Amino acid sequence: MSAPKYSAEFKEQVVLEIVQKSRPVAEVARSYGLVAQTVGNWVARWRKEHPDLSTDAMTAEEHAEIKRLKAELR
């Protein structure tokens, strides 16, 4: 039995809830019925891919919107 696959949009939604609202990983994972370790991995990967967001003027929400729009244009 393989693990369920989640869309990139869903993962980003969960991660942004943790990053932007400073909510605990375990709490967010529980609210979505996910394993905390899995969500923690998503957050770590997101932070590794977006190291500049902490110092950049663009918020994580703005970055997500730009990413969504680029995907829409494709």
PDB file of N, CA and C in Angstrom:
ATOM      1  N   MET A   1       0.844  -1.175   0.000  1.00  0.00           N
ATOM      2  CA  MET A   1       0.000   0.000   0.000  1.00  0.00           C
ATOM      3  C   MET A   1       0.895   1.247   0.000  1.00  0.00           C
ATOM      4  N   SER A   2       0.719   2.119  -0.956  1.00  0.00           N
ATOM      5  CA  SER A   2       1.568   3.303  -1.043  1.00  0.00           C
ATOM      6  C   SER A   2       0.941   4.479  -0.304  1.00  0.00           C
ATOM      7  N   ALA A   3       1.778   5.453  -0.014  1.00  0.00           N
ATOM      8  CA  ALA A   3       1.323   6.651   0.690  1.00  0.00           C
ATOM      9  C   ALA A   3       0.457   7.495  -0.232  1.00  0.00           C
ATOM     10  N   PRO A   4      -0.524   8.196   0.330  1.00  0.00           N
ATOM     11  CA  PRO A   4      -1.364   9.058  -0.510  1.00  0.00           C
ATOM     12  C   PRO A   4      -0.546  10.198  -1.108  1.00  0.00           C
ATOM     13  N   LYS A   5      -0.900  10.620  -2.282  1.00  0.00           N
ATOM     14  CA  LYS A   5      -0.212  11.724  -2.959  1.00  0.00           C
ATOM     15  C   LYS A   5      -1.032  12.998  -2.773  1.00  0.00           C
ATOM     16  N   TYR A   6      -0.362  14.056  -2.459  1.00  0.00           N
ATOM     17  CA  TYR A   6      -1.016  15.342  -2.256  1.00  0.00           C
ATOM     18  C   TYR A   6      -0.512  16.315  -3.306  1.00  0.00           C
ATOM     19  N   SER A   7      -1.390  17.181  -3.760  1.00  0.00           N
ATOM     20  CA  SER A   7      -1.005  18.156  -4.776  1.00  0.00           C
ATOM     21  C   SER A   7      -0.035  19.177  -4.189  1.00  0.00           C
ATOM     22  N   ALA A   8       0.728  19.780  -5.069  1.00  0.00           N
ATOM     23  CA  ALA A   8       1.674  20.818  -4.645  1.00  0.00           C
ATOM     24  C   ALA A   8       0.930  21.991  -4.013  1.00  0.00           C
ATOM     25  N   GLU A   9      -0.248  22.297  -4.542  1.00  0.00           N
ATOM     26  CA  GLU A   9      -1.040  23.408  -4.006  1.00  0.00           C
ATOM     27  C   GLU A   9      -1.489  23.114  -2.579  1.00  0.00           C
ATOM     28  N   PHE A  10      -1.922  21.873  -2.342  1.00  0.00           N
ATOM     29  CA  PHE A  10      -2.357  21.486  -0.997  1.00  0.00           C
ATOM     30  C   PHE A  10      -1.195  21.569  -0.015  1.00  0.00           C
ATOM     31  N   LYS A  11      -0.043  21.031  -0.411  1.00  0.00           N
ATOM     32  CA  LYS A  11       1.129  21.064   0.455  1.00  0.00           C
ATOM     33  C   LYS A  11       1.511  22.498   0.799  1.00  0.00           C
ATOM     34  N   GLU A  12       1.490  23.357  -0.225  1.00  0.00           N
ATOM     35  CA  GLU A  12       1.862  24.756   0.016  1.00  0.00           C
ATOM     36  C   GLU A  12       0.855  25.444   0.933  1.00  0.00           C
ATOM     37  N   GLN A  13      -0.417  25.126   0.781  1.00  0.00           N
ATOM     38  CA  GLN A  13      -1.451  25.687   1.652  1.00  0.00           C
ATOM     39  C   GLN A  13      -1.165  25.324   3.107  1.00  0.00           C
ATOM     40  N   VAL A  14      -0.845  24.068   3.352  1.00  0.00           N
ATOM     41  CA  VAL A  14      -0.546  23.601   4.705  1.00  0.00           C
ATOM     42  C   VAL A  14       0.717  24.281   5.234  1.00  0.00           C
ATOM     43  N   VAL A  15       1.750  24.322   4.420  1.00  0.00           N
ATOM     44  CA  VAL A  15       3.023  24.926   4.834  1.00  0.00           C
ATOM     45  C   VAL A  15       2.850  26.411   5.134  1.00  0.00           C
ATOM     46  N   LEU A  16       2.144  27.122   4.273  1.00  0.00           N
ATOM     47  CA  LEU A  16       1.968  28.563   4.491  1.00  0.00           C
ATOM     48  C   LEU A  16       1.180  28.854   5.754  1.00  0.00           C
ATOM     49  N   GLU A  17       0.275  27.954   6.099  1.00  0.00           N
ATOM     50  CA  GLU A  17      -0.469  28.127   7.347  1.00  0.00           C
ATOM     51  C   GLU A  17       0.491  28.079   8.542  1.00  0.00           C
ATOM     52  N   ILE A  18       1.499  27.249   8.452  1.00  0.00           N
ATOM     53  CA  ILE A  18       2.498  27.136   9.523  1.00  0.00           C
ATOM     54  C   ILE A  18       3.445  28.329   9.492  1.00  0.00           C
ATOM     55  N   VAL A  19       3.946  28.661   8.309  1.00  0.00           N
ATOM     56  CA  VAL A  19       4.950  29.714   8.173  1.00  0.00           C
ATOM     57  C   VAL A  19       4.358  31.091   8.457  1.00  0.00           C
ATOM     58  N   GLN A  20       3.225  31.395   7.867  1.00  0.00           N
ATOM     59  CA  GLN A  20       2.652  32.740   8.005  1.00  0.00           C
ATOM     60  C   GLN A  20       1.980  32.977   9.350  1.00  0.00           C
ATOM     61  N   LYS A  21       1.327  31.957   9.864  1.00  0.00           N
ATOM     62  CA  LYS A  21       0.562  32.135  11.100  1.00  0.00           C
ATOM     63  C   LYS A  21       1.306  31.640  12.331  1.00  0.00           C
ATOM     64  N   SER A  22       2.516  31.121  12.127  1.00  0.00           N
ATOM     65  CA  SER A  22       3.353  30.618  13.221  1.00  0.00           C
ATOM     66  C   SER A  22       2.616  29.582  14.075  1.00  0.00           C
ATOM     67  N   ARG A  23       1.871  28.719  13.408  1.00  0.00           N
ATOM     68  CA  ARG A  23       1.170  27.646  14.119  1.00  0.00           C
ATOM     69  C   ARG A  23       2.084  26.436  14.229  1.00  0.00           C
ATOM     70  N   PRO A  24       1.942  25.657  15.281  1.00  0.00           N
ATOM     71  CA  PRO A  24       2.771  24.457  15.443  1.00  0.00           C
ATOM     72  C   PRO A  24       2.477  23.417  14.361  1.00  0.00           C
ATOM     73  N   VAL A  25       3.514  22.739  13.920  1.00  0.00           N
ATOM     74  CA  VAL A  25       3.377  21.727  12.876  1.00  0.00           C
ATOM     75  C   VAL A  25       2.387  20.649  13.304  1.00  0.00           C
ATOM     76  N   ALA A  26       2.518  20.167  14.525  1.00  0.00           N
ATOM     77  CA  ALA A  26       1.644  19.088  15.005  1.00  0.00           C
ATOM     78  C   ALA A  26       0.175  19.503  14.989  1.00  0.00           C
ATOM     79  N   GLU A  27      -0.093  20.733  15.364  1.00  0.00           N
ATOM     80  CA  GLU A  27      -1.471  21.233  15.400  1.00  0.00           C
ATOM     81  C   GLU A  27      -2.063  21.312  13.992  1.00  0.00           C
ATOM     82  N   VAL A  28      -1.306  21.843  13.056  1.00  0.00           N
ATOM     83  CA  VAL A  28      -1.781  21.963  11.674  1.00  0.00           C
ATOM     84  C   VAL A  28      -1.954  20.576  11.063  1.00  0.00           C
ATOM     85  N   ALA A  29      -0.993  19.707  11.293  1.00  0.00           N
ATOM     86  CA  ALA A  29      -1.078  18.344  10.759  1.00  0.00           C
ATOM     87  C   ALA A  29      -2.339  17.654  11.277  1.00  0.00           C
ATOM     88  N   ARG A  30      -2.589  17.772  12.552  1.00  0.00           N
ATOM     89  CA  ARG A  30      -3.775  17.157  13.153  1.00  0.00           C
ATOM     90  C   ARG A  30      -5.054  17.714  12.546  1.00  0.00           C
ATOM     91  N   SER A  31      -5.082  19.024  12.289  1.00  0.00           N
ATOM     92  CA  SER A  31      -6.299  19.643  11.752  1.00  0.00           C
ATOM     93  C   SER A  31      -6.608  19.157  10.334  1.00  0.00           C
ATOM     94  N   TYR A  32      -5.580  18.716   9.606  1.00  0.00           N
ATOM     95  CA  TYR A  32      -5.777  18.203   8.242  1.00  0.00           C
ATOM     96  C   TYR A  32      -5.780  16.669   8.199  1.00  0.00           C
ATOM     97  N   GLY A  33      -5.616  16.028   9.348  1.00  0.00           N
ATOM     98  CA  GLY A  33      -5.586  14.574   9.389  1.00  0.00           C
ATOM     99  C   GLY A  33      -4.319  14.001   8.792  1.00  0.00           C
ATOM    100  N   LEU A  34      -3.202  14.720   8.955  1.00  0.00           N
ATOM    101  CA  LEU A  34      -1.911  14.300   8.400  1.00  0.00           C
ATOM    102  C   LEU A  34      -0.956  13.922   9.523  1.00  0.00           C
ATOM    103  N   VAL A  35       0.103  13.236   9.163  1.00  0.00           N
ATOM    104  CA  VAL A  35       1.155  12.878  10.110  1.00  0.00           C
ATOM    105  C   VAL A  35       2.085  14.085  10.273  1.00  0.00           C
ATOM    106  N   ALA A  36       2.390  14.429  11.521  1.00  0.00           N
ATOM    107  CA  ALA A  36       3.213  15.610  11.799  1.00  0.00           C
ATOM    108  C   ALA A  36       4.580  15.524  11.129  1.00  0.00           C
ATOM    109  N   GLN A  37       5.179  14.354  11.086  1.00  0.00           N
ATOM    110  CA  GLN A  37       6.493  14.192  10.462  1.00  0.00           C
ATOM    111  C   GLN A  37       6.440  14.547   8.980  1.00  0.00           C
ATOM    112  N   THR A  38       5.381  14.133   8.314  1.00  0.00           N
ATOM    113  CA  THR A  38       5.215  14.440   6.891  1.00  0.00           C
ATOM    114  C   THR A  38       5.118  15.941   6.676  1.00  0.00           C
ATOM    115  N   VAL A  39       4.293  16.589   7.469  1.00  0.00           N
ATOM    116  CA  VAL A  39       4.124  18.042   7.345  1.00  0.00           C
ATOM    117  C   VAL A  39       5.427  18.752   7.689  1.00  0.00           C
ATOM    118  N   GLY A  40       6.131  18.269   8.693  1.00  0.00           N
ATOM    119  CA  GLY A  40       7.432  18.840   9.047  1.00  0.00           C
ATOM    120  C   GLY A  40       8.420  18.747   7.889  1.00  0.00           C
ATOM    121  N   ASN A  41       8.376  17.634   7.165  1.00  0.00           N
ATOM    122  CA  ASN A  41       9.232  17.483   5.989  1.00  0.00           C
ATOM    123  C   ASN A  41       8.855  18.493   4.912  1.00  0.00           C
ATOM    124  N   TRP A  42       7.569  18.711   4.715  1.00  0.00           N
ATOM    125  CA  TRP A  42       7.110  19.695   3.722  1.00  0.00           C
ATOM    126  C   TRP A  42       7.607  21.082   4.091  1.00  0.00           C
ATOM    127  N   VAL A  43       7.524  21.434   5.383  1.00  0.00           N
ATOM    128  CA  VAL A  43       7.960  22.756   5.847  1.00  0.00           C
ATOM    129  C   VAL A  43       9.468  22.906   5.650  1.00  0.00           C
ATOM    130  N   ALA A  44      10.225  21.889   6.011  1.00  0.00           N
ATOM    131  CA  ALA A  44      11.684  21.953   5.851  1.00  0.00           C
ATOM    132  C   ALA A  44      12.066  22.120   4.390  1.00  0.00           C
ATOM    133  N   ARG A  45      11.401  21.378   3.513  1.00  0.00           N
ATOM    134  CA  ARG A  45      11.687  21.479   2.077  1.00  0.00           C
ATOM    135  C   ARG A  45      11.323  22.875   1.571  1.00  0.00           C
ATOM    136  N   TRP A  46      10.176  23.401   2.005  1.00  0.00           N
ATOM    137  CA  TRP A  46       9.732  24.727   1.568  1.00  0.00           C
ATOM    138  C   TRP A  46      10.726  25.794   2.013  1.00  0.00           C
ATOM    139  N   ARG A  47      11.176  25.697   3.268  1.00  0.00           N
ATOM    140  CA  ARG A  47      12.133  26.691   3.783  1.00  0.00           C
ATOM    141  C   ARG A  47      13.471  26.611   3.052  1.00  0.00           C
ATOM    142  N   LYS A  48      13.863  25.396   2.679  1.00  0.00           N
ATOM    143  CA  LYS A  48      15.113  25.224   1.928  1.00  0.00           C
ATOM    144  C   LYS A  48      14.984  25.829   0.532  1.00  0.00           C
ATOM    145  N   GLU A  49      13.810  25.683  -0.078  1.00  0.00           N
ATOM    146  CA  GLU A  49      13.579  26.216  -1.420  1.00  0.00           C
ATOM    147  C   GLU A  49      13.320  27.714  -1.425  1.00  0.00           C
ATOM    148  N   HIS A  50      12.982  28.292  -0.287  1.00  0.00           N
ATOM    149  CA  HIS A  50      12.646  29.718  -0.195  1.00  0.00           C
ATOM    150  C   HIS A  50      13.436  30.411   0.912  1.00  0.00           C
ATOM    151  N   PRO A  51      14.747  30.320   0.907  1.00  0.00           N
ATOM    152  CA  PRO A  51      15.523  30.934   2.000  1.00  0.00           C
ATOM    153  C   PRO A  51      15.462  32.460   1.985  1.00  0.00           C
ATOM    154  N   ASP A  52      15.194  33.015   0.825  1.00  0.00           N
ATOM    155  CA  ASP A  52      15.187  34.469   0.683  1.00  0.00           C
ATOM    156  C   ASP A  52      13.918  35.121   1.199  1.00  0.00           C
ATOM    157  N   LEU A  53      12.883  34.381   1.475  1.00  0.00           N
ATOM    158  CA  LEU A  53      11.617  34.985   1.890  1.00  0.00           C
ATOM    159  C   LEU A  53      11.694  35.639   3.255  1.00  0.00           C
ATOM    160  N   SER A  54      12.580  35.179   4.105  1.00  0.00           N
ATOM    161  CA  SER A  54      12.685  35.783   5.426  1.00  0.00           C
ATOM    162  C   SER A  54      13.301  37.179   5.350  1.00  0.00           C
ATOM    163  N   THR A  55      14.118  37.436   4.329  1.00  0.00           N
ATOM    164  CA  THR A  55      14.753  38.743   4.215  1.00  0.00           C
ATOM    165  C   THR A  55      14.185  39.557   3.065  1.00  0.00           C
ATOM    166  N   ASP A  56      13.395  38.935   2.228  1.00  0.00           N
ATOM    167  CA  ASP A  56      12.842  39.601   1.064  1.00  0.00           C
ATOM    168  C   ASP A  56      11.609  40.416   1.460  1.00  0.00           C
ATOM    169  N   ALA A  57      11.348  41.480   0.742  1.00  0.00           N
ATOM    170  CA  ALA A  57      10.180  42.309   1.015  1.00  0.00           C
ATOM    171  C   ALA A  57       8.889  41.593   0.621  1.00  0.00           C
ATOM    172  N   MET A  58       8.970  40.630  -0.269  1.00  0.00           N
ATOM    173  CA  MET A  58       7.788  39.899  -0.713  1.00  0.00           C
ATOM    174  C   MET A  58       7.393  38.872   0.350  1.00  0.00           C
ATOM    175  N   THR A  59       6.122  38.843   0.692  1.00  0.00           N
ATOM    176  CA  THR A  59       5.655  37.891   1.690  1.00  0.00           C
ATOM    177  C   THR A  59       5.504  36.509   1.073  1.00  0.00           C
ATOM    178  N   ALA A  60       5.383  35.522   1.918  1.00  0.00           N
ATOM    179  CA  ALA A  60       5.183  34.150   1.455  1.00  0.00           C
ATOM    180  C   ALA A  60       3.875  34.045   0.670  1.00  0.00           C
ATOM    181  N   GLU A  61       2.880  34.801   1.096  1.00  0.00           N
ATOM    182  CA  GLU A  61       1.594  34.793   0.394  1.00  0.00           C
ATOM    183  C   GLU A  61       1.742  35.367  -1.020  1.00  0.00           C
ATOM    184  N   GLU A  62       2.501  36.446  -1.145  1.00  0.00           N
ATOM    185  CA  GLU A  62       2.738  37.038  -2.460  1.00  0.00           C
ATOM    186  C   GLU A  62       3.518  36.079  -3.358  1.00  0.00           C
ATOM    187  N   HIS A  63       4.482  35.399  -2.774  1.00  0.00           N
ATOM    188  CA  HIS A  63       5.257  34.420  -3.529  1.00  0.00           C
ATOM    189  C   HIS A  63       4.347  33.301  -4.039  1.00  0.00           C
ATOM    190  N   ALA A  64       3.461  32.825  -3.192  1.00  0.00           N
ATOM    191  CA  ALA A  64       2.530  31.759  -3.582  1.00  0.00           C
ATOM    192  C   ALA A  64       1.613  32.229  -4.710  1.00  0.00           C
ATOM    193  N   GLU A  65       1.177  33.475  -4.641  1.00  0.00           N
ATOM    194  CA  GLU A  65       0.308  34.026  -5.687  1.00  0.00           C
ATOM    195  C   GLU A  65       1.054  34.116  -7.018  1.00  0.00           C
ATOM    196  N   ILE A  66       2.288  34.551  -7.003  1.00  0.00           N
ATOM    197  CA  ILE A  66       3.096  34.625  -8.227  1.00  0.00           C
ATOM    198  C   ILE A  66       3.287  33.234  -8.816  1.00  0.00           C
ATOM    199  N   LYS A  67       3.569  32.269  -7.949  1.00  0.00           N
ATOM    200  CA  LYS A  67       3.743  30.892  -8.407  1.00  0.00           C
ATOM    201  C   LYS A  67       2.460  30.371  -9.052  1.00  0.00           C
ATOM    202  N   ARG A  68       1.318  30.668  -8.429  1.00  0.00           N
ATOM    203  CA  ARG A  68       0.023  30.232  -8.954  1.00  0.00           C
ATOM    204  C   ARG A  68      -0.241  30.873 -10.309  1.00  0.00           C
ATOM    205  N   LEU A  69       0.042  32.155 -10.442  1.00  0.00           N
ATOM    206  CA  LEU A  69      -0.186  32.854 -11.698  1.00  0.00           C
ATOM    207  C   LEU A  69       0.711  32.343 -12.824  1.00  0.00           C
ATOM    208  N   LYS A  70       1.967  32.039 -12.487  1.00  0.00           N
ATOM    209  CA  LYS A  70       2.873  31.472 -13.484  1.00  0.00           C
ATOM    210  C   LYS A  70       2.355  30.124 -13.986  1.00  0.00           C
ATOM    211  N   ALA A  71       1.869  29.319 -13.060  1.00  0.00           N
ATOM    212  CA  ALA A  71       1.322  28.013 -13.439  1.00  0.00           C
ATOM    213  C   ALA A  71       0.082  28.198 -14.312  1.00  0.00           C
ATOM    214  N   GLU A  72      -0.727  29.188 -13.987  1.00  0.00           N
ATOM    215  CA  GLU A  72      -1.935  29.472 -14.774  1.00  0.00           C
ATOM    216  C   GLU A  72      -1.581  29.906 -16.189  1.00  0.00           C
ATOM    217  N   LEU A  73      -0.529  30.693 -16.323  1.00  0.00           N
ATOM    218  CA  LEU A  73      -0.101  31.155 -17.646  1.00  0.00           C
ATOM    219  C   LEU A  73       0.406  30.009 -18.514  1.00  0.00           C
ATOM    220  N   ARG A  74       1.067  29.037 -17.889  1.00  0.00           N
ATOM    221  CA  ARG A  74       1.555  27.886 -18.626  1.00  0.00           C
ATOM    222  C   ARG A  74       0.408  27.124 -19.191  1.00  0.00           C
TER     223      ARG A  74
END
